[in-house]
Structures are given as C-alpha cells and as structure tokens.
Amino acid sequence: KKPAARPQGSVPLDGLGFTVAAIDDVARQKYNLTEGQKGVVVTQVAQDGPAADRGLRPGDVITEVQQSDVSTPADVRRLLDAARAQHRRSVLFLVQNADGMRWVPFPLDGADGK
C-alpha cells in the first residue's frame, strides 16, 4: 500500500508548534484549496503547542507574516528570522480558513529552540 500523498517540502516551525508547506497540487487536493490560493498551508499542528492553543488546524493557510506576503516555507522562515534579529517579542500571522481570515500573534520567546 502506497503512503498517503502529502505536500512536498513541509517545514516545521520550531517552538511555534506547527509545520507548513508550499501550496502544490497535492496540498490543493488534500485540503480542498482553490487553484489561485496564495500562501503556505499548515500541514501539522503539535498537540498542546502554541499553534493548537491559538486554534490552528491542518489545512489552514498562512497568507502573511508580519504584514508581508508569503508563498513558500522559506519566506516564513526568513520573516521569522528577521523578527528575531530585531528582538521582536511576537510575530503576526494572517491565517485563512473556512471561518474567514484572522491575525494570530505568536510569542517568539524560545521559538528558535534555545
């Protein structure tokens, strides 16, 4: 039996409690996303982690981080790294799901795994 297809290039966001991937054909089909959907898709959420506490679920789409558009996991990492370099205490994600769009703040304390 072949393992279930999953989006390529899933990247865990250490300390934030979730994993994201670029939106490809597999992600579009698995999470019922539209052809023109922008952003990155949440593929895993750690139970009892910061993302779960904030209501993130697999299939949610992150369209912006710190009010900058994202289209790849690398974009998300770059913006998180920039926020850490600026000693920001939190970072804002614009999350889209069936309920609409909302800004979700995440603390950066210890988000780098240190």
N, C-alpha and C. Protein backbone atom coordinates (compact mmCIF):
# COMPACT_ATOMS: atom_id res chain seq x y z
N LYS A 1 0.84 -1.18 0.00
CA LYS A 1 0.00 0.00 0.00
C LYS A 1 0.88 1.24 0.00
N LYS A 2 0.56 2.16 -0.90
CA LYS A 2 1.34 3.38 -1.03
C LYS A 2 0.98 4.37 0.08
N PRO A 3 1.99 5.03 0.70
CA PRO A 3 1.66 6.03 1.73
C PRO A 3 0.86 7.18 1.13
N ALA A 4 0.06 7.81 1.97
CA ALA A 4 -0.76 8.94 1.52
C ALA A 4 0.14 10.06 1.01
N ALA A 5 -0.28 10.65 -0.10
CA ALA A 5 0.48 11.77 -0.65
C ALA A 5 0.39 12.94 0.30
N ARG A 6 1.47 13.68 0.42
CA ARG A 6 1.45 14.88 1.25
C ARG A 6 2.26 15.96 0.54
N PRO A 7 1.99 17.21 0.86
CA PRO A 7 2.70 18.30 0.19
C PRO A 7 4.21 18.16 0.37
N GLN A 8 4.93 18.51 -0.68
CA GLN A 8 6.39 18.44 -0.65
C GLN A 8 6.96 19.59 0.17
N GLY A 9 8.10 19.34 0.80
CA GLY A 9 8.84 20.41 1.46
C GLY A 9 8.21 20.94 2.73
N SER A 10 7.55 20.08 3.50
CA SER A 10 6.99 20.53 4.78
C SER A 10 8.12 20.97 5.70
N VAL A 11 7.94 22.12 6.34
CA VAL A 11 8.97 22.70 7.20
C VAL A 11 8.39 22.96 8.58
N PRO A 12 8.96 22.31 9.63
CA PRO A 12 8.47 22.60 10.98
C PRO A 12 8.95 23.97 11.46
N LEU A 13 8.07 24.68 12.12
CA LEU A 13 8.43 25.98 12.70
C LEU A 13 8.66 25.74 14.19
N ASP A 14 9.90 25.44 14.52
CA ASP A 14 10.28 25.06 15.88
C ASP A 14 9.82 26.09 16.89
N GLY A 15 9.26 25.60 17.97
CA GLY A 15 8.82 26.47 19.04
C GLY A 15 7.44 27.06 18.84
N LEU A 16 6.94 27.05 17.60
CA LEU A 16 5.61 27.59 17.33
C LEU A 16 4.56 26.48 17.29
N GLY A 17 5.02 25.24 17.12
CA GLY A 17 4.11 24.11 17.21
C GLY A 17 3.35 23.76 15.96
N PHE A 18 3.89 24.13 14.79
CA PHE A 18 3.23 23.70 13.56
C PHE A 18 4.22 23.61 12.40
N THR A 19 3.76 22.94 11.35
CA THR A 19 4.55 22.70 10.15
C THR A 19 3.80 23.28 8.96
N VAL A 20 4.54 23.91 8.04
CA VAL A 20 3.93 24.49 6.84
C VAL A 20 4.57 23.90 5.59
N ALA A 21 3.85 24.01 4.48
CA ALA A 21 4.36 23.56 3.18
C ALA A 21 3.84 24.51 2.11
N ALA A 22 4.55 24.54 1.00
CA ALA A 22 4.08 25.31 -0.15
C ALA A 22 2.78 24.70 -0.65
N ILE A 23 1.94 25.51 -1.25
CA ILE A 23 0.67 25.01 -1.79
C ILE A 23 0.94 24.47 -3.18
N ASP A 24 0.92 23.14 -3.30
CA ASP A 24 1.09 22.48 -4.58
C ASP A 24 -0.20 21.72 -4.90
N ASP A 25 -0.19 20.94 -5.99
CA ASP A 25 -1.40 20.21 -6.39
C ASP A 25 -1.85 19.23 -5.32
N VAL A 26 -0.90 18.58 -4.64
CA VAL A 26 -1.24 17.63 -3.58
C VAL A 26 -1.94 18.36 -2.43
N ALA A 27 -1.39 19.49 -2.02
CA ALA A 27 -1.99 20.27 -0.92
C ALA A 27 -3.37 20.78 -1.32
N ARG A 28 -3.50 21.24 -2.57
CA ARG A 28 -4.79 21.74 -3.03
C ARG A 28 -5.86 20.66 -2.93
N GLN A 29 -5.49 19.45 -3.35
CA GLN A 29 -6.45 18.35 -3.32
C GLN A 29 -6.73 17.91 -1.87
N LYS A 30 -5.69 17.71 -1.09
CA LYS A 30 -5.85 17.20 0.28
C LYS A 30 -6.66 18.16 1.15
N TYR A 31 -6.41 19.45 1.02
CA TYR A 31 -7.05 20.43 1.89
C TYR A 31 -8.16 21.23 1.20
N ASN A 32 -8.53 20.81 -0.01
CA ASN A 32 -9.62 21.44 -0.75
C ASN A 32 -9.38 22.94 -0.95
N LEU A 33 -8.17 23.29 -1.41
CA LEU A 33 -7.80 24.68 -1.64
C LEU A 33 -8.05 25.04 -3.10
N THR A 34 -8.37 26.29 -3.35
CA THR A 34 -8.65 26.73 -4.71
C THR A 34 -7.35 26.88 -5.52
N GLU A 35 -7.49 26.88 -6.82
CA GLU A 35 -6.35 26.97 -7.73
C GLU A 35 -5.50 28.22 -7.48
N GLY A 36 -6.13 29.34 -7.21
CA GLY A 36 -5.39 30.59 -7.04
C GLY A 36 -5.00 30.92 -5.61
N GLN A 37 -5.17 29.96 -4.71
CA GLN A 37 -4.87 30.21 -3.29
C GLN A 37 -3.41 30.61 -3.10
N LYS A 38 -3.20 31.70 -2.40
CA LYS A 38 -1.85 32.20 -2.09
C LYS A 38 -1.48 31.83 -0.66
N GLY A 39 -0.18 31.75 -0.39
CA GLY A 39 0.30 31.50 0.96
C GLY A 39 0.94 30.14 1.10
N VAL A 40 1.03 29.68 2.36
CA VAL A 40 1.54 28.35 2.69
C VAL A 40 0.48 27.64 3.52
N VAL A 41 0.43 26.33 3.41
CA VAL A 41 -0.59 25.56 4.12
C VAL A 41 -0.02 24.93 5.38
N VAL A 42 -0.80 24.95 6.45
CA VAL A 42 -0.44 24.27 7.70
C VAL A 42 -0.68 22.78 7.48
N THR A 43 0.37 21.96 7.67
CA THR A 43 0.23 20.52 7.42
C THR A 43 0.17 19.71 8.71
N GLN A 44 0.75 20.22 9.78
CA GLN A 44 0.71 19.54 11.08
C GLN A 44 0.65 20.58 12.18
N VAL A 45 -0.06 20.22 13.26
CA VAL A 45 -0.12 21.07 14.45
C VAL A 45 0.18 20.20 15.65
N ALA A 46 1.18 20.58 16.43
CA ALA A 46 1.55 19.81 17.62
C ALA A 46 0.46 19.96 18.68
N GLN A 47 0.04 18.82 19.21
CA GLN A 47 -0.98 18.83 20.26
C GLN A 47 -0.44 19.59 21.47
N ASP A 48 -1.24 20.43 22.06
CA ASP A 48 -0.87 21.21 23.25
C ASP A 48 0.25 22.21 23.00
N GLY A 49 0.55 22.53 21.74
CA GLY A 49 1.56 23.53 21.43
C GLY A 49 0.94 24.90 21.24
N PRO A 50 1.77 25.92 21.01
CA PRO A 50 1.26 27.28 20.82
C PRO A 50 0.25 27.40 19.67
N ALA A 51 0.48 26.68 18.57
CA ALA A 51 -0.44 26.76 17.43
C ALA A 51 -1.80 26.16 17.78
N ALA A 52 -1.79 25.01 18.46
CA ALA A 52 -3.04 24.37 18.87
C ALA A 52 -3.81 25.29 19.83
N ASP A 53 -3.08 25.93 20.74
CA ASP A 53 -3.71 26.86 21.68
C ASP A 53 -4.39 28.02 20.96
N ARG A 54 -3.88 28.38 19.78
CA ARG A 54 -4.43 29.50 19.02
C ARG A 54 -5.43 29.06 17.96
N GLY A 55 -5.77 27.78 17.95
CA GLY A 55 -6.81 27.29 17.05
C GLY A 55 -6.36 26.96 15.64
N LEU A 56 -5.05 26.89 15.38
CA LEU A 56 -4.60 26.50 14.05
C LEU A 56 -4.89 25.02 13.81
N ARG A 57 -5.24 24.69 12.57
CA ARG A 57 -5.54 23.32 12.20
C ARG A 57 -4.88 23.01 10.85
N PRO A 58 -4.55 21.74 10.61
CA PRO A 58 -4.06 21.38 9.28
C PRO A 58 -5.08 21.82 8.23
N GLY A 59 -4.56 22.39 7.15
CA GLY A 59 -5.42 22.90 6.09
C GLY A 59 -5.61 24.41 6.16
N ASP A 60 -5.33 25.02 7.33
CA ASP A 60 -5.35 26.48 7.41
C ASP A 60 -4.24 27.02 6.51
N VAL A 61 -4.46 28.20 5.97
CA VAL A 61 -3.47 28.81 5.08
C VAL A 61 -2.95 30.09 5.71
N ILE A 62 -1.63 30.23 5.72
CA ILE A 62 -0.99 31.46 6.19
C ILE A 62 -0.65 32.28 4.95
N THR A 63 -1.23 33.47 4.86
CA THR A 63 -1.01 34.31 3.68
C THR A 63 0.00 35.42 3.93
N GLU A 64 0.15 35.84 5.21
CA GLU A 64 1.11 36.89 5.54
C GLU A 64 1.78 36.60 6.87
N VAL A 65 3.02 37.04 6.99
CA VAL A 65 3.74 37.04 8.25
C VAL A 65 4.29 38.45 8.43
N GLN A 66 3.97 39.08 9.55
CA GLN A 66 4.40 40.46 9.81
C GLN A 66 3.99 41.39 8.66
N GLN A 67 2.80 41.19 8.14
CA GLN A 67 2.22 42.01 7.08
C GLN A 67 3.00 41.94 5.77
N SER A 68 3.74 40.85 5.57
CA SER A 68 4.43 40.59 4.30
C SER A 68 3.87 39.30 3.71
N ASP A 69 3.56 39.33 2.41
CA ASP A 69 3.04 38.13 1.75
C ASP A 69 4.05 37.00 1.81
N VAL A 70 3.56 35.77 1.96
CA VAL A 70 4.41 34.58 1.92
C VAL A 70 3.86 33.60 0.90
N SER A 71 4.77 32.90 0.20
CA SER A 71 4.33 31.88 -0.75
C SER A 71 5.11 30.59 -0.61
N THR A 72 6.16 30.60 0.22
CA THR A 72 6.95 29.39 0.45
C THR A 72 7.31 29.30 1.94
N PRO A 73 7.62 28.09 2.41
CA PRO A 73 8.09 27.97 3.79
C PRO A 73 9.35 28.81 4.04
N ALA A 74 10.19 28.96 3.01
CA ALA A 74 11.41 29.78 3.16
C ALA A 74 11.05 31.24 3.45
N ASP A 75 9.97 31.74 2.84
CA ASP A 75 9.51 33.11 3.13
C ASP A 75 9.16 33.24 4.61
N VAL A 76 8.46 32.23 5.13
CA VAL A 76 8.05 32.26 6.54
C VAL A 76 9.28 32.26 7.43
N ARG A 77 10.22 31.36 7.15
CA ARG A 77 11.46 31.28 7.95
C ARG A 77 12.22 32.61 7.92
N ARG A 78 12.34 33.20 6.73
CA ARG A 78 13.08 34.46 6.57
C ARG A 78 12.45 35.56 7.42
N LEU A 79 11.12 35.66 7.41
CA LEU A 79 10.45 36.69 8.18
C LEU A 79 10.53 36.43 9.68
N LEU A 80 10.49 35.15 10.08
CA LEU A 80 10.68 34.82 11.50
C LEU A 80 12.09 35.17 11.94
N ASP A 81 13.08 34.83 11.11
CA ASP A 81 14.47 35.15 11.43
C ASP A 81 14.67 36.66 11.55
N ALA A 82 14.04 37.43 10.64
CA ALA A 82 14.15 38.89 10.69
C ALA A 82 13.52 39.44 11.96
N ALA A 83 12.38 38.89 12.36
CA ALA A 83 11.72 39.34 13.59
C ALA A 83 12.59 39.05 14.81
N ARG A 84 13.22 37.87 14.82
CA ARG A 84 14.12 37.53 15.93
C ARG A 84 15.33 38.46 15.95
N ALA A 85 15.88 38.76 14.77
CA ALA A 85 17.05 39.64 14.68
C ALA A 85 16.72 41.04 15.19
N GLN A 86 15.45 41.44 15.04
CA GLN A 86 15.01 42.75 15.53
C GLN A 86 14.54 42.67 16.98
N HIS A 87 14.76 41.50 17.60
CA HIS A 87 14.40 41.27 19.00
C HIS A 87 12.92 41.48 19.27
N ARG A 88 12.10 41.14 18.28
CA ARG A 88 10.65 41.23 18.47
C ARG A 88 10.22 40.14 19.45
N ARG A 89 9.22 40.46 20.25
CA ARG A 89 8.73 39.50 21.24
C ARG A 89 7.63 38.62 20.67
N SER A 90 7.03 39.08 19.55
CA SER A 90 5.98 38.29 18.93
C SER A 90 5.98 38.54 17.43
N VAL A 91 5.24 37.69 16.74
CA VAL A 91 5.13 37.80 15.29
C VAL A 91 3.66 37.54 14.93
N LEU A 92 3.16 38.25 13.90
CA LEU A 92 1.77 38.12 13.48
C LEU A 92 1.66 37.29 12.21
N PHE A 93 0.74 36.34 12.22
CA PHE A 93 0.43 35.54 11.05
C PHE A 93 -1.00 35.86 10.62
N LEU A 94 -1.22 36.06 9.32
CA LEU A 94 -2.58 36.19 8.80
C LEU A 94 -3.01 34.80 8.34
N VAL A 95 -4.02 34.25 9.03
CA VAL A 95 -4.45 32.87 8.82
C VAL A 95 -5.83 32.87 8.16
N GLN A 96 -5.96 32.06 7.11
CA GLN A 96 -7.22 31.93 6.40
C GLN A 96 -7.71 30.49 6.52
N ASN A 97 -9.01 30.35 6.83
CA ASN A 97 -9.63 29.03 6.82
C ASN A 97 -11.10 29.20 6.46
N ALA A 98 -11.90 28.15 6.63
CA ALA A 98 -13.31 28.21 6.25
C ALA A 98 -14.07 29.28 7.02
N ASP A 99 -13.57 29.67 8.18
CA ASP A 99 -14.23 30.69 9.00
C ASP A 99 -13.87 32.11 8.59
N GLY A 100 -12.92 32.26 7.67
CA GLY A 100 -12.50 33.59 7.23
C GLY A 100 -11.02 33.81 7.48
N MET A 101 -10.65 35.10 7.63
CA MET A 101 -9.25 35.45 7.86
C MET A 101 -9.13 36.10 9.23
N ARG A 102 -7.99 35.84 9.90
CA ARG A 102 -7.75 36.45 11.20
C ARG A 102 -6.26 36.57 11.43
N TRP A 103 -5.88 37.59 12.20
CA TRP A 103 -4.50 37.77 12.61
C TRP A 103 -4.27 36.94 13.86
N VAL A 104 -3.18 36.18 13.87
CA VAL A 104 -2.85 35.33 15.02
C VAL A 104 -1.44 35.68 15.49
N PRO A 105 -1.31 36.19 16.73
CA PRO A 105 0.01 36.51 17.26
C PRO A 105 0.68 35.27 17.87
N PHE A 106 1.98 35.15 17.68
CA PHE A 106 2.76 34.09 18.30
C PHE A 106 3.93 34.71 19.04
N PRO A 107 4.17 34.32 20.29
CA PRO A 107 5.35 34.81 21.00
C PRO A 107 6.60 34.18 20.40
N LEU A 108 7.68 34.93 20.38
CA LEU A 108 8.94 34.41 19.85
C LEU A 108 9.87 33.93 20.95
N ASP A 109 9.50 34.09 22.21
CA ASP A 109 10.35 33.62 23.30
C ASP A 109 10.62 32.14 23.13
N GLY A 110 11.88 31.79 22.95
CA GLY A 110 12.25 30.39 22.82
C GLY A 110 11.83 29.75 21.52
N ALA A 111 11.33 30.54 20.57
CA ALA A 111 10.85 29.96 19.32
C ALA A 111 11.96 29.38 18.46
N ASP A 112 13.21 29.71 18.77
CA ASP A 112 14.32 29.17 17.99
C ASP A 112 14.83 27.86 18.58
N GLY A 113 14.13 27.34 19.59
CA GLY A 113 14.51 26.06 20.17
C GLY A 113 15.60 26.16 21.21
N LYS A 114 16.03 27.37 21.55
CA LYS A 114 17.10 27.54 22.55
C LYS A 114 16.52 27.77 23.93
